[in-house]
Amino acid sequence: MIAQNQLIDYLDQNLDEYLTIWKQRIRISDDDIYKDKVVANGKLMYELVRRNIVEPIGDEKIAELAKKVAKQRVEANINIGDFIYNVNLGRSVLFNHMTNSDLSSNDLQPILESLNELFDKFAYHAVTEYTKIKHDELQEKISYIDETHQEKLSILGQMSSSFVHEFRNPLTAIMGFVAILRKENPEMKYLDVIDHELKQLNFRISQFLHVSKKEIDGVEEEEFELSDVFNDMIDFIYPSVVDVDVHILNNIPKGLRIFGQKDKIRQVLLNIVMNSIDALKEIKKNRTIELIGEKKKGEMMLHITNNGPVIPEKKLDTIFEPFYTTKELGTGIGLYVCQKIIQNHKGQISCKSSEKETTFTITLPAV
């Protein structure tokens, strides 16, 4: 105890010098709203050091000061690296002073080890609290953005639902009369083109209805083969395939079955394949789309790959967000709807892209 008391007396006598050296070397901004409390916090830390020299103090007291200082550092918008630098600087300056005392190395060594543990615990609690506060702030901002975004989606849903229902009535009539014309005049030119474009328009309208959540519920679920879904839609996309000169490789094996809403899964495949066709317009030859299906550990995996241009990495994280689009006249809701449909089927959808190819992978529970 004599050695400890001698060291405390020595440190007390040189405290002002220790604090001055530390303050001259710390990293602190002129804009720091708590810069006038830095020295005061340094003195509070010194009090912990002083008490710890006599007897190691518990975590509770260390954490109390660490959390208080961390909160101030967050409010002052200080980089966590600068904060830890200042803590370690205080340790270094203090230890240098202690080695200049009259204590022998045998007496000083256990005290230094105990104080090292004190500073480590202080830094741990401070960083933990700093990180927690920053995380909570970020989550609050994300929550606010999500709420604002949901409000916008709700408004869009109400507007689009009202609009497309009014639009669909005359469109349905036109499609009906086109079907009659095809039946009565099978040789009439351009009816196939008109029919295809009307179906495309009807498909886009359906997308808006899905975003507005007006027609998602009430669709019956059934067990079906994935290859049948693709075969059902191939006739629909055939004019686009021919127009862009795309070679489609269908490697979806028979027997790959899933349970869900067949029309919704068809919409997902249709959207991704049509997006792939649009992307392939940017290359000059050997345009290819390949569909590969497989079953692994009770899951069905479908890979839709095209050899079109690369999607930049920074855009891969946003392509499934609503209203994000790279197309000049795109709505930006296609992949968003696809993701929602797959998630509703307890599945996942992802995308990887390189200079050679872009692959969309859909994972669903297999039957």
Protein backbone atom coordinates (compact mmCIF):
# COMPACT_ATOMS: atom_id res chain seq x y z
CA MET A 1 0.00 0.00 0.00
CA ILE A 2 2.96 2.31 0.64
CA ALA A 3 4.03 2.11 -3.01
CA GLN A 4 0.50 2.89 -4.19
CA ASN A 5 0.23 5.94 -1.92
CA GLN A 6 3.60 7.19 -3.10
CA LEU A 7 2.52 6.88 -6.73
CA ILE A 8 -0.78 8.67 -6.09
CA ASP A 9 1.01 11.55 -4.35
CA TYR A 10 3.42 11.82 -7.28
CA LEU A 11 0.64 11.82 -9.86
CA ASP A 12 -1.41 14.38 -7.90
CA GLN A 13 1.54 16.73 -7.82
CA ASN A 14 2.05 16.44 -11.58
CA LEU A 15 -1.59 16.24 -12.69
CA ASP A 16 -1.69 19.69 -14.34
CA GLU A 17 1.44 18.91 -16.37
CA TYR A 18 -0.01 15.54 -17.41
CA LEU A 19 -3.30 17.12 -18.52
CA THR A 20 -1.54 19.95 -20.39
CA ILE A 21 0.61 17.54 -22.42
CA TRP A 22 -2.42 15.38 -23.17
CA LYS A 23 -4.59 18.33 -24.23
CA GLN A 24 -1.88 19.67 -26.54
CA ARG A 25 -1.69 16.39 -28.43
CA ILE A 26 -5.29 15.18 -28.60
CA ARG A 27 -7.34 15.35 -31.78
CA ILE A 28 -10.27 17.68 -31.23
CA SER A 29 -12.23 19.82 -33.65
CA ASP A 30 -12.99 23.50 -33.20
CA ASP A 31 -16.61 22.60 -33.97
CA ASP A 32 -16.77 20.11 -31.08
CA ILE A 33 -19.72 21.26 -28.97
CA TYR A 34 -18.23 19.48 -25.94
CA LYS A 35 -14.62 20.64 -26.31
CA ASP A 36 -14.87 22.58 -23.05
CA LYS A 37 -15.64 19.30 -21.24
CA VAL A 38 -12.71 17.32 -22.61
CA VAL A 39 -10.35 18.25 -19.77
CA ALA A 40 -13.11 17.72 -17.21
CA ASN A 41 -13.66 14.21 -18.59
CA GLY A 42 -9.90 13.67 -18.47
CA LYS A 43 -9.96 14.53 -14.76
CA LEU A 44 -12.85 12.12 -14.18
CA MET A 45 -10.82 9.40 -15.90
CA TYR A 46 -7.89 10.28 -13.67
CA GLU A 47 -10.11 9.78 -10.63
CA LEU A 48 -10.84 6.26 -11.84
CA VAL A 49 -7.10 5.69 -12.31
CA ARG A 50 -6.44 7.01 -8.81
CA ARG A 51 -9.01 4.68 -7.24
CA ASN A 52 -7.83 1.74 -9.32
CA ILE A 53 -4.26 2.14 -8.06
CA VAL A 54 -5.54 1.51 -4.53
CA GLU A 55 -7.95 -1.28 -5.51
CA PRO A 56 -9.25 -2.39 -8.93
CA ILE A 57 -12.73 -0.94 -9.49
CA GLY A 58 -15.71 -2.75 -10.96
CA ASP A 59 -17.07 -2.61 -14.51
CA GLU A 60 -20.10 -0.57 -13.47
CA LYS A 61 -18.15 2.57 -12.61
CA ILE A 62 -15.96 2.26 -15.70
CA ALA A 63 -18.99 1.76 -17.96
CA GLU A 64 -20.80 4.73 -16.39
CA LEU A 65 -18.10 7.20 -17.40
CA ALA A 66 -17.44 5.48 -20.73
CA LYS A 67 -21.10 5.72 -21.76
CA LYS A 68 -21.32 9.36 -20.72
CA VAL A 69 -18.24 10.31 -22.77
CA ALA A 70 -19.35 8.17 -25.74
CA LYS A 71 -22.72 9.95 -25.82
CA GLN A 72 -20.95 13.32 -25.93
CA ARG A 73 -18.64 12.12 -28.72
CA VAL A 74 -21.65 11.02 -30.78
CA GLU A 75 -23.44 14.33 -30.26
CA ALA A 76 -20.25 16.16 -31.21
CA ASN A 77 -20.11 14.01 -34.38
CA ILE A 78 -16.56 12.88 -33.62
CA ASN A 79 -14.91 10.07 -35.55
CA ILE A 80 -14.58 6.95 -33.40
CA GLY A 81 -10.95 6.62 -34.49
CA ASP A 82 -10.10 10.06 -33.07
CA PHE A 83 -11.90 9.17 -29.86
CA ILE A 84 -9.89 5.97 -29.30
CA TYR A 85 -6.70 7.78 -30.26
CA ASN A 86 -7.31 10.32 -27.48
CA VAL A 87 -8.01 7.55 -24.94
CA ASN A 88 -4.81 5.70 -25.81
CA LEU A 89 -2.87 8.97 -25.83
CA GLY A 90 -4.04 9.59 -22.25
CA ARG A 91 -2.84 6.13 -21.27
CA SER A 92 0.55 6.70 -22.91
CA VAL A 93 1.15 10.12 -21.32
CA LEU A 94 0.07 8.85 -17.90
CA PHE A 95 2.30 5.77 -18.07
CA ASN A 96 5.29 7.91 -19.10
CA HIS A 97 4.78 10.03 -16.00
CA MET A 98 4.46 6.96 -13.81
CA THR A 99 7.77 5.52 -15.04
CA ASN A 100 9.46 8.75 -13.93
CA SER A 101 8.33 8.19 -10.35
CA ASP A 102 10.63 6.78 -7.68
CA LEU A 103 8.85 3.42 -7.61
CA SER A 104 10.85 0.34 -8.47
CA SER A 105 9.91 -1.67 -11.53
CA ASN A 106 8.74 -4.53 -9.30
CA ASP A 107 6.29 -2.23 -7.50
CA LEU A 108 5.20 -0.42 -10.68
CA GLN A 109 4.64 -3.41 -12.97
CA PRO A 110 1.44 -4.83 -11.34
CA ILE A 111 -0.03 -1.32 -11.12
CA LEU A 112 0.60 -0.73 -14.84
CA GLU A 113 -1.02 -4.06 -15.70
CA SER A 114 -4.09 -3.19 -13.64
CA LEU A 115 -4.36 0.25 -15.25
CA ASN A 116 -3.96 -1.24 -18.71
CA GLU A 117 -7.00 -3.39 -18.00
CA LEU A 118 -8.86 -0.29 -16.78
CA PHE A 119 -8.16 1.61 -20.02
CA ASP A 120 -9.05 -1.44 -22.14
CA LYS A 121 -12.40 -1.80 -20.35
CA PHE A 122 -13.07 1.92 -20.70
CA ALA A 123 -12.35 1.81 -24.44
CA TYR A 124 -14.53 -1.31 -24.84
CA HIS A 125 -17.55 0.20 -23.06
CA ALA A 126 -17.10 3.53 -24.86
CA VAL A 127 -16.92 1.98 -28.33
CA THR A 128 -19.84 -0.36 -27.57
CA GLU A 129 -22.02 2.55 -26.45
CA TYR A 130 -20.86 4.76 -29.33
CA THR A 131 -21.72 2.01 -31.83
CA LYS A 132 -25.09 1.36 -30.21
CA ILE A 133 -26.10 5.03 -30.33
CA LYS A 134 -24.98 5.34 -33.96
CA HIS A 135 -26.88 2.16 -34.86
CA ASP A 136 -30.04 3.40 -33.16
CA GLU A 137 -29.76 6.73 -34.99
CA LEU A 138 -29.34 4.92 -38.30
CA GLN A 139 -32.33 2.65 -37.63
CA GLU A 140 -34.43 5.68 -36.74
CA LYS A 141 -33.50 7.33 -40.04
CA ILE A 142 -34.19 4.13 -41.96
CA SER A 143 -37.55 3.79 -40.22
CA TYR A 144 -38.44 7.36 -41.13
CA ILE A 145 -37.40 6.82 -44.75
CA ASP A 146 -39.40 3.57 -44.89
CA GLU A 147 -42.50 5.26 -43.46
CA THR A 148 -42.19 8.11 -45.96
CA HIS A 149 -41.61 5.62 -48.75
CA GLN A 150 -44.64 3.56 -47.73
CA GLU A 151 -46.78 6.70 -47.74
CA LYS A 152 -45.66 7.44 -51.29
CA LEU A 153 -46.35 3.86 -52.31
CA SER A 154 -49.80 4.06 -50.76
CA ILE A 155 -50.59 7.25 -52.66
CA LEU A 156 -49.25 5.72 -55.87
CA GLY A 157 -51.29 2.60 -55.24
CA GLN A 158 -54.50 4.57 -54.86
CA MET A 159 -53.81 6.67 -57.94
CA SER A 160 -52.63 3.79 -60.14
CA SER A 161 -55.44 1.50 -59.04
CA SER A 162 -58.06 4.07 -59.94
CA PHE A 163 -56.35 4.87 -63.24
CA VAL A 164 -55.77 1.32 -64.45
CA HIS A 165 -59.26 0.11 -63.62
CA GLU A 166 -60.64 2.91 -65.78
CA PHE A 167 -58.08 2.09 -68.46
CA ARG A 168 -58.59 -1.67 -68.40
CA ASN A 169 -62.27 -1.57 -69.36
CA PRO A 170 -61.75 -0.13 -72.89
CA LEU A 171 -58.55 -2.18 -73.26
CA THR A 172 -60.47 -5.40 -72.57
CA ALA A 173 -63.04 -4.41 -75.18
CA ILE A 174 -60.31 -3.70 -77.76
CA MET A 175 -58.63 -7.05 -77.07
CA GLY A 176 -61.97 -8.78 -77.48
CA PHE A 177 -62.65 -7.16 -80.85
CA VAL A 178 -59.10 -7.97 -82.02
CA ALA A 179 -59.75 -11.62 -81.13
CA ILE A 180 -62.96 -11.49 -83.21
CA LEU A 181 -61.10 -9.90 -86.12
CA ARG A 182 -58.44 -12.64 -86.01
CA LYS A 183 -61.13 -15.29 -86.07
CA GLU A 184 -63.09 -13.72 -88.93
CA ASN A 185 -60.06 -12.46 -90.88
CA PRO A 186 -57.16 -14.82 -90.15
CA GLU A 187 -55.12 -13.44 -93.06
CA MET A 188 -55.42 -9.79 -92.06
CA LYS A 189 -51.99 -8.17 -91.69
CA TYR A 190 -50.57 -6.84 -88.41
CA LEU A 191 -53.23 -8.42 -86.16
CA ASP A 192 -50.52 -10.50 -84.46
CA VAL A 193 -48.51 -7.34 -83.77
CA ILE A 194 -51.56 -5.52 -82.43
CA ASP A 195 -52.51 -8.49 -80.26
CA HIS A 196 -48.97 -8.77 -78.88
CA GLU A 197 -48.74 -5.08 -78.02
CA LEU A 198 -52.15 -5.13 -76.35
CA LYS A 199 -51.08 -8.08 -74.20
CA GLN A 200 -47.92 -6.23 -73.25
CA LEU A 201 -49.97 -3.20 -72.27
CA ASN A 202 -52.32 -5.38 -70.25
CA PHE A 203 -49.28 -6.93 -68.54
CA ARG A 204 -47.97 -3.50 -67.50
CA ILE A 205 -51.38 -2.58 -66.14
CA SER A 206 -51.36 -5.77 -64.09
CA GLN A 207 -48.02 -4.74 -62.62
CA PHE A 208 -49.49 -1.47 -61.39
CA LEU A 209 -52.37 -3.37 -59.84
CA HIS A 210 -49.93 -5.63 -58.03
CA VAL A 211 -48.07 -2.62 -56.62
CA SER A 212 -51.34 -1.15 -55.41
CA LYS A 213 -52.10 -4.53 -53.77
CA LYS A 214 -55.60 -4.61 -55.24
CA GLU A 215 -55.38 -7.92 -57.06
CA ILE A 216 -52.82 -9.95 -55.14
CA ASP A 217 -55.22 -11.76 -52.81
CA GLY A 218 -57.75 -14.35 -53.82
CA VAL A 219 -55.62 -16.15 -56.43
CA GLU A 220 -55.79 -19.92 -55.98
CA GLU A 221 -52.63 -21.88 -55.28
CA GLU A 222 -51.85 -25.15 -56.97
CA GLU A 223 -49.08 -27.63 -57.61
CA PHE A 224 -47.50 -27.26 -61.04
CA GLU A 225 -44.40 -27.92 -63.12
CA LEU A 226 -42.03 -25.05 -63.72
CA SER A 227 -41.35 -26.18 -67.28
CA ASP A 228 -45.08 -25.88 -68.03
CA VAL A 229 -45.04 -22.26 -66.90
CA PHE A 230 -42.23 -21.47 -69.30
CA ASN A 231 -43.92 -23.32 -72.18
CA ASP A 232 -47.13 -21.36 -71.51
CA MET A 233 -45.37 -18.05 -71.92
CA ILE A 234 -43.02 -18.84 -74.82
CA ASP A 235 -45.72 -18.14 -77.43
CA PHE A 236 -46.40 -14.79 -75.81
CA ILE A 237 -42.77 -13.65 -76.00
CA TYR A 238 -42.06 -15.21 -79.40
CA PRO A 239 -42.45 -11.97 -81.43
CA SER A 240 -39.91 -10.24 -79.16
CA VAL A 241 -37.53 -13.20 -79.40
CA VAL A 242 -37.65 -13.09 -83.20
CA ASP A 243 -37.45 -9.30 -83.36
CA VAL A 244 -34.26 -9.11 -81.26
CA ASP A 245 -32.87 -12.40 -82.64
CA VAL A 246 -32.40 -14.07 -79.27
CA HIS A 247 -31.55 -17.74 -78.84
CA ILE A 248 -33.35 -19.19 -75.80
CA LEU A 249 -32.01 -22.37 -74.19
CA ASN A 250 -34.61 -24.10 -72.03
CA ASN A 251 -32.87 -26.42 -69.56
CA ILE A 252 -35.71 -26.68 -67.06
CA PRO A 253 -36.10 -30.40 -66.44
CA LYS A 254 -39.41 -32.19 -66.24
CA GLY A 255 -40.54 -33.07 -62.74
CA LEU A 256 -39.43 -29.78 -61.15
CA ARG A 257 -42.63 -28.96 -59.28
CA ILE A 258 -43.61 -26.15 -56.93
CA PHE A 259 -46.76 -25.12 -55.08
CA GLY A 260 -48.11 -21.61 -55.45
CA GLN A 261 -49.87 -19.16 -57.72
CA LYS A 262 -49.05 -20.25 -61.25
CA ASP A 263 -49.99 -16.95 -62.90
CA LYS A 264 -47.77 -15.02 -60.48
CA ILE A 265 -44.75 -17.24 -61.13
CA ARG A 266 -45.43 -16.90 -64.85
CA GLN A 267 -45.39 -13.12 -64.43
CA VAL A 268 -42.00 -13.29 -62.69
CA LEU A 269 -40.46 -15.41 -65.45
CA LEU A 270 -42.01 -13.24 -68.13
CA ASN A 271 -40.71 -10.04 -66.58
CA ILE A 272 -37.14 -11.31 -66.13
CA VAL A 273 -36.97 -12.84 -69.61
CA MET A 274 -38.37 -9.67 -71.22
CA ASN A 275 -35.86 -7.57 -69.25
CA SER A 276 -33.12 -9.88 -70.52
CA ILE A 277 -34.31 -9.44 -74.10
CA ASP A 278 -34.25 -5.67 -73.67
CA ALA A 279 -30.70 -5.87 -72.28
CA LEU A 280 -29.54 -8.02 -75.19
CA LYS A 281 -30.48 -5.29 -77.65
CA GLU A 282 -27.22 -3.59 -76.61
CA ILE A 283 -25.01 -6.34 -78.05
CA LYS A 284 -24.65 -7.05 -81.75
CA LYS A 285 -24.69 -10.85 -82.07
CA ASN A 286 -24.89 -14.23 -80.32
CA ARG A 287 -27.69 -13.04 -78.05
CA THR A 288 -28.52 -15.87 -75.65
CA ILE A 289 -30.84 -16.47 -72.70
CA GLU A 290 -30.50 -19.74 -70.80
CA LEU A 291 -32.88 -21.11 -68.16
CA ILE A 292 -31.48 -23.78 -65.85
CA GLY A 293 -33.61 -25.50 -63.22
CA GLU A 294 -32.38 -27.73 -60.40
CA LYS A 295 -33.53 -29.18 -57.10
CA LYS A 296 -31.31 -29.06 -54.01
CA LYS A 297 -32.21 -30.00 -50.44
CA GLY A 298 -35.93 -29.46 -50.86
CA GLU A 299 -35.52 -26.22 -52.80
CA MET A 300 -36.11 -25.41 -56.46
CA MET A 301 -33.53 -23.13 -58.01
CA LEU A 302 -34.04 -21.42 -61.36
CA HIS A 303 -31.18 -19.53 -63.00
CA ILE A 304 -32.04 -17.15 -65.84
CA THR A 305 -28.82 -16.07 -67.56
CA ASN A 306 -28.21 -13.69 -70.44
CA ASN A 307 -24.95 -12.65 -72.08
CA GLY A 308 -25.85 -8.99 -72.22
CA PRO A 309 -23.97 -6.00 -70.77
CA VAL A 310 -22.83 -6.02 -67.15
CA ILE A 311 -24.99 -4.42 -64.46
CA PRO A 312 -22.64 -2.21 -62.37
CA GLU A 313 -22.12 -3.53 -58.85
CA LYS A 314 -23.46 -0.36 -57.22
CA LYS A 315 -26.76 -0.84 -59.09
CA LEU A 316 -27.22 -4.49 -58.11
CA ASP A 317 -28.30 -3.46 -54.60
CA THR A 318 -31.06 -1.22 -55.95
CA ILE A 319 -32.56 -3.03 -58.94
CA PHE A 320 -35.27 -4.62 -56.77
CA GLU A 321 -36.31 -1.30 -55.22
CA PRO A 322 -39.60 0.24 -56.42
CA PHE A 323 -39.30 2.90 -59.13
CA TYR A 324 -35.67 2.07 -59.89
CA THR A 325 -35.14 1.63 -63.62
CA THR A 326 -32.40 2.06 -66.21
CA LYS A 327 -34.89 2.21 -69.08
CA GLU A 328 -35.80 5.57 -70.55
CA LEU A 329 -39.52 4.77 -70.46
CA GLY A 330 -39.45 2.19 -67.69
CA THR A 331 -41.71 2.25 -64.65
CA GLY A 332 -39.19 0.69 -62.28
CA ILE A 333 -41.78 -1.60 -60.70
CA GLY A 334 -41.19 -4.84 -62.62
CA LEU A 335 -38.39 -6.36 -60.50
CA TYR A 336 -39.94 -4.93 -57.34
CA VAL A 337 -43.15 -6.84 -58.10
CA CYS A 338 -41.11 -9.96 -58.95
CA GLN A 339 -39.36 -9.81 -55.59
CA LYS A 340 -42.65 -9.38 -53.72
CA ILE A 341 -44.23 -12.32 -55.54
CA ILE A 342 -41.26 -14.60 -54.79
CA GLN A 343 -41.18 -13.49 -51.15
CA ASN A 344 -44.92 -14.21 -50.88
CA HIS A 345 -44.07 -17.73 -52.07
CA LYS A 346 -41.49 -18.03 -49.26
CA GLY A 347 -38.63 -17.74 -51.72
CA GLN A 348 -35.78 -15.46 -52.66
CA ILE A 349 -34.58 -13.73 -55.80
CA SER A 350 -31.10 -12.36 -56.44
CA CYS A 351 -28.90 -11.14 -59.26
CA LYS A 352 -25.22 -11.47 -60.13
CA SER A 353 -23.56 -9.77 -63.06
CA SER A 354 -20.16 -9.87 -64.73
CA GLU A 355 -18.65 -8.82 -68.04
CA LYS A 356 -19.63 -12.21 -69.49
CA GLU A 357 -23.16 -12.73 -68.18
CA THR A 358 -25.96 -11.64 -65.87
CA THR A 359 -27.87 -14.24 -63.86
CA PHE A 360 -31.11 -13.94 -61.93
CA THR A 361 -31.56 -16.77 -59.43
CA ILE A 362 -34.96 -17.66 -58.01
CA THR A 363 -35.17 -20.03 -55.04
CA LEU A 364 -38.53 -21.55 -54.02
CA PRO A 365 -39.65 -24.46 -51.86
CA ALA A 366 -39.89 -27.54 -54.06
CA VAL A 367 -42.67 -30.12 -53.89
